[in-house]
C-alpha cells in the first residue's frame, strides 16, 4: 500500500468546507451568519484553486 502525505488529501471540497465552517463560526459571533458563510466559502474556493494549481505544477 502506498503512503500519502497529509497534503495529498487537501482538495477543493475540503478547503471550501473548512473555510465555510470558519465563516459560520465568525457569522455566529458577529451576528451576520449569511454574509460570513458566503465570505468563507469564497475564500475556500480561491484557496483550494491556488493550492490545486500549486500541487499540479509541483508534480
N, C-alpha and C. Protein backbone atom coordinates (compact mmCIF):
# COMPACT_ATOMS: atom_id res chain seq x y z
N UNK A 1 0.84 -1.17 0.00
CA UNK A 1 0.00 0.00 0.00
C UNK A 1 0.90 1.25 0.00
N UNK A 2 0.54 2.20 -0.84
CA UNK A 2 1.31 3.43 -0.96
C UNK A 2 0.89 4.42 0.11
N UNK A 3 1.87 5.03 0.77
CA UNK A 3 1.57 6.03 1.80
C UNK A 3 1.52 7.41 1.18
N UNK A 4 0.57 8.21 1.63
CA UNK A 4 0.40 9.57 1.13
C UNK A 4 0.64 10.56 2.24
N UNK A 5 1.16 11.71 1.88
CA UNK A 5 1.29 12.79 2.84
C UNK A 5 -0.08 13.39 3.10
N UNK A 6 -0.22 14.10 4.20
CA UNK A 6 -1.48 14.75 4.52
C UNK A 6 -1.87 15.78 3.49
N UNK A 7 -0.89 16.41 2.85
CA UNK A 7 -1.20 17.44 1.87
C UNK A 7 -1.85 16.87 0.62
N UNK A 8 -1.69 15.57 0.36
CA UNK A 8 -2.32 14.97 -0.81
C UNK A 8 -3.84 14.85 -0.64
N UNK A 9 -4.33 14.93 0.57
CA UNK A 9 -5.76 14.81 0.82
C UNK A 9 -6.46 16.16 0.76
N UNK A 10 -5.72 17.24 0.67
CA UNK A 10 -6.32 18.58 0.59
C UNK A 10 -6.90 18.76 -0.80
N UNK A 11 -8.16 19.06 -0.88
CA UNK A 11 -8.81 19.23 -2.16
C UNK A 11 -9.71 20.45 -2.13
N UNK A 12 -10.38 20.71 -3.24
CA UNK A 12 -11.29 21.85 -3.32
C UNK A 12 -12.41 21.71 -2.29
N UNK A 13 -13.00 20.55 -2.19
CA UNK A 13 -14.10 20.35 -1.26
C UNK A 13 -13.69 20.55 0.18
N UNK A 14 -12.51 20.08 0.51
CA UNK A 14 -12.01 20.24 1.87
C UNK A 14 -11.79 21.70 2.20
N UNK A 15 -11.17 22.43 1.29
CA UNK A 15 -10.89 23.84 1.56
C UNK A 15 -12.18 24.65 1.65
N UNK A 16 -13.16 24.36 0.78
CA UNK A 16 -14.43 25.08 0.83
C UNK A 16 -15.16 24.76 2.14
N UNK A 17 -15.17 23.50 2.51
CA UNK A 17 -15.85 23.09 3.74
C UNK A 17 -15.24 23.69 4.99
N UNK A 18 -13.91 23.66 5.08
CA UNK A 18 -13.26 24.21 6.26
C UNK A 18 -13.41 25.72 6.36
N UNK A 19 -13.25 26.41 5.25
CA UNK A 19 -13.40 27.87 5.27
C UNK A 19 -14.85 28.28 5.50
N UNK A 20 -15.79 27.52 4.98
CA UNK A 20 -17.20 27.82 5.24
C UNK A 20 -17.53 27.58 6.71
N UNK A 21 -16.95 26.56 7.31
CA UNK A 21 -17.16 26.31 8.74
C UNK A 21 -16.61 27.45 9.58
N UNK A 22 -15.45 27.95 9.22
CA UNK A 22 -14.89 29.11 9.92
C UNK A 22 -15.80 30.32 9.71
N UNK A 23 -16.34 30.47 8.51
CA UNK A 23 -17.26 31.56 8.23
C UNK A 23 -18.53 31.47 9.06
N UNK A 24 -19.04 30.26 9.27
CA UNK A 24 -20.23 30.08 10.10
C UNK A 24 -19.95 30.49 11.54
N UNK A 25 -18.79 30.09 12.05
CA UNK A 25 -18.43 30.47 13.42
C UNK A 25 -18.29 31.98 13.54
N UNK A 26 -17.60 32.61 12.58
CA UNK A 26 -17.47 34.07 12.61
C UNK A 26 -18.83 34.74 12.49
N UNK A 27 -19.68 34.22 11.63
CA UNK A 27 -21.02 34.78 11.46
C UNK A 27 -21.85 34.67 12.72
N UNK A 28 -21.71 33.57 13.43
CA UNK A 28 -22.45 33.42 14.68
C UNK A 28 -21.94 34.41 15.73
N UNK A 29 -20.65 34.64 15.75
CA UNK A 29 -20.09 35.58 16.71
C UNK A 29 -20.39 37.03 16.36
N UNK A 30 -20.45 37.33 15.07
CA UNK A 30 -20.64 38.72 14.63
C UNK A 30 -22.08 39.02 14.23
N UNK A 31 -22.99 38.09 14.45
CA UNK A 31 -24.42 38.29 14.22
C UNK A 31 -24.79 38.51 12.75
N UNK A 32 -24.02 37.96 11.83
CA UNK A 32 -24.34 38.06 10.41
C UNK A 32 -23.91 36.76 9.73
N UNK A 33 -24.69 35.72 9.91
CA UNK A 33 -24.32 34.37 9.50
C UNK A 33 -24.18 34.22 8.00
N UNK A 34 -25.13 34.72 7.22
CA UNK A 34 -25.14 34.51 5.77
C UNK A 34 -23.94 35.19 5.10
N UNK A 35 -23.65 36.42 5.52
CA UNK A 35 -22.52 37.15 4.93
C UNK A 35 -21.22 36.39 5.14
N UNK A 36 -20.97 35.97 6.37
CA UNK A 36 -19.70 35.31 6.66
C UNK A 36 -19.64 33.89 6.10
N UNK A 37 -20.78 33.23 5.94
CA UNK A 37 -20.79 31.93 5.27
C UNK A 37 -20.36 32.09 3.82
N UNK A 38 -20.88 33.10 3.15
CA UNK A 38 -20.51 33.35 1.75
C UNK A 38 -19.04 33.77 1.63
N UNK A 39 -18.59 34.60 2.55
CA UNK A 39 -17.18 35.02 2.54
C UNK A 39 -16.27 33.81 2.76
N UNK A 40 -16.62 32.96 3.72
CA UNK A 40 -15.82 31.78 4.00
C UNK A 40 -15.78 30.82 2.82
N UNK A 41 -16.91 30.60 2.18
CA UNK A 41 -16.94 29.71 1.01
C UNK A 41 -16.15 30.30 -0.15
N UNK A 42 -16.23 31.61 -0.34
CA UNK A 42 -15.45 32.27 -1.40
C UNK A 42 -13.96 32.15 -1.16
N UNK A 43 -13.55 32.35 0.07
CA UNK A 43 -12.13 32.20 0.40
C UNK A 43 -11.69 30.76 0.21
N UNK A 44 -12.56 29.81 0.55
CA UNK A 44 -12.24 28.39 0.35
C UNK A 44 -12.05 28.04 -1.11
N UNK A 45 -12.87 28.61 -1.98
CA UNK A 45 -12.74 28.35 -3.42
C UNK A 45 -11.40 28.88 -3.93
N UNK A 46 -11.07 30.10 -3.56
CA UNK A 46 -9.82 30.70 -4.02
C UNK A 46 -8.63 29.94 -3.46
N UNK A 47 -8.66 29.64 -2.17
CA UNK A 47 -7.55 28.92 -1.54
C UNK A 47 -7.39 27.53 -2.14
N UNK A 48 -8.49 26.82 -2.35
CA UNK A 48 -8.42 25.49 -2.95
C UNK A 48 -7.89 25.51 -4.37
N UNK A 49 -8.30 26.50 -5.15
CA UNK A 49 -7.83 26.60 -6.54
C UNK A 49 -6.33 26.89 -6.58
N UNK A 50 -5.88 27.79 -5.73
CA UNK A 50 -4.45 28.12 -5.71
C UNK A 50 -3.63 26.91 -5.27
N UNK A 51 -4.09 26.20 -4.26
CA UNK A 51 -3.35 25.02 -3.79
C UNK A 51 -3.36 23.90 -4.82
N UNK A 52 -4.47 23.71 -5.53
CA UNK A 52 -4.51 22.68 -6.57
C UNK A 52 -3.57 23.02 -7.72
N UNK A 53 -3.52 24.30 -8.12
CA UNK A 53 -2.59 24.71 -9.18
C UNK A 53 -1.15 24.51 -8.74
N UNK A 54 -0.87 24.85 -7.49
CA UNK A 54 0.49 24.69 -6.96
C UNK A 54 0.88 23.22 -6.92
N UNK A 55 -0.07 22.37 -6.49
CA UNK A 55 0.23 20.94 -6.40
C UNK A 55 0.44 20.33 -7.79
N UNK A 56 -0.38 20.74 -8.77
CA UNK A 56 -0.24 20.21 -10.12
C UNK A 56 1.04 20.69 -10.78
N UNK A 57 1.44 21.92 -10.51
CA UNK A 57 2.68 22.44 -11.08
C UNK A 57 3.90 21.75 -10.47
N UNK A 58 3.79 21.40 -9.19
CA UNK A 58 4.88 20.75 -8.48
C UNK A 58 5.11 19.33 -8.98
N UNK A 59 4.05 18.65 -9.39
CA UNK A 59 4.14 17.25 -9.84
C UNK A 59 4.81 17.11 -11.18
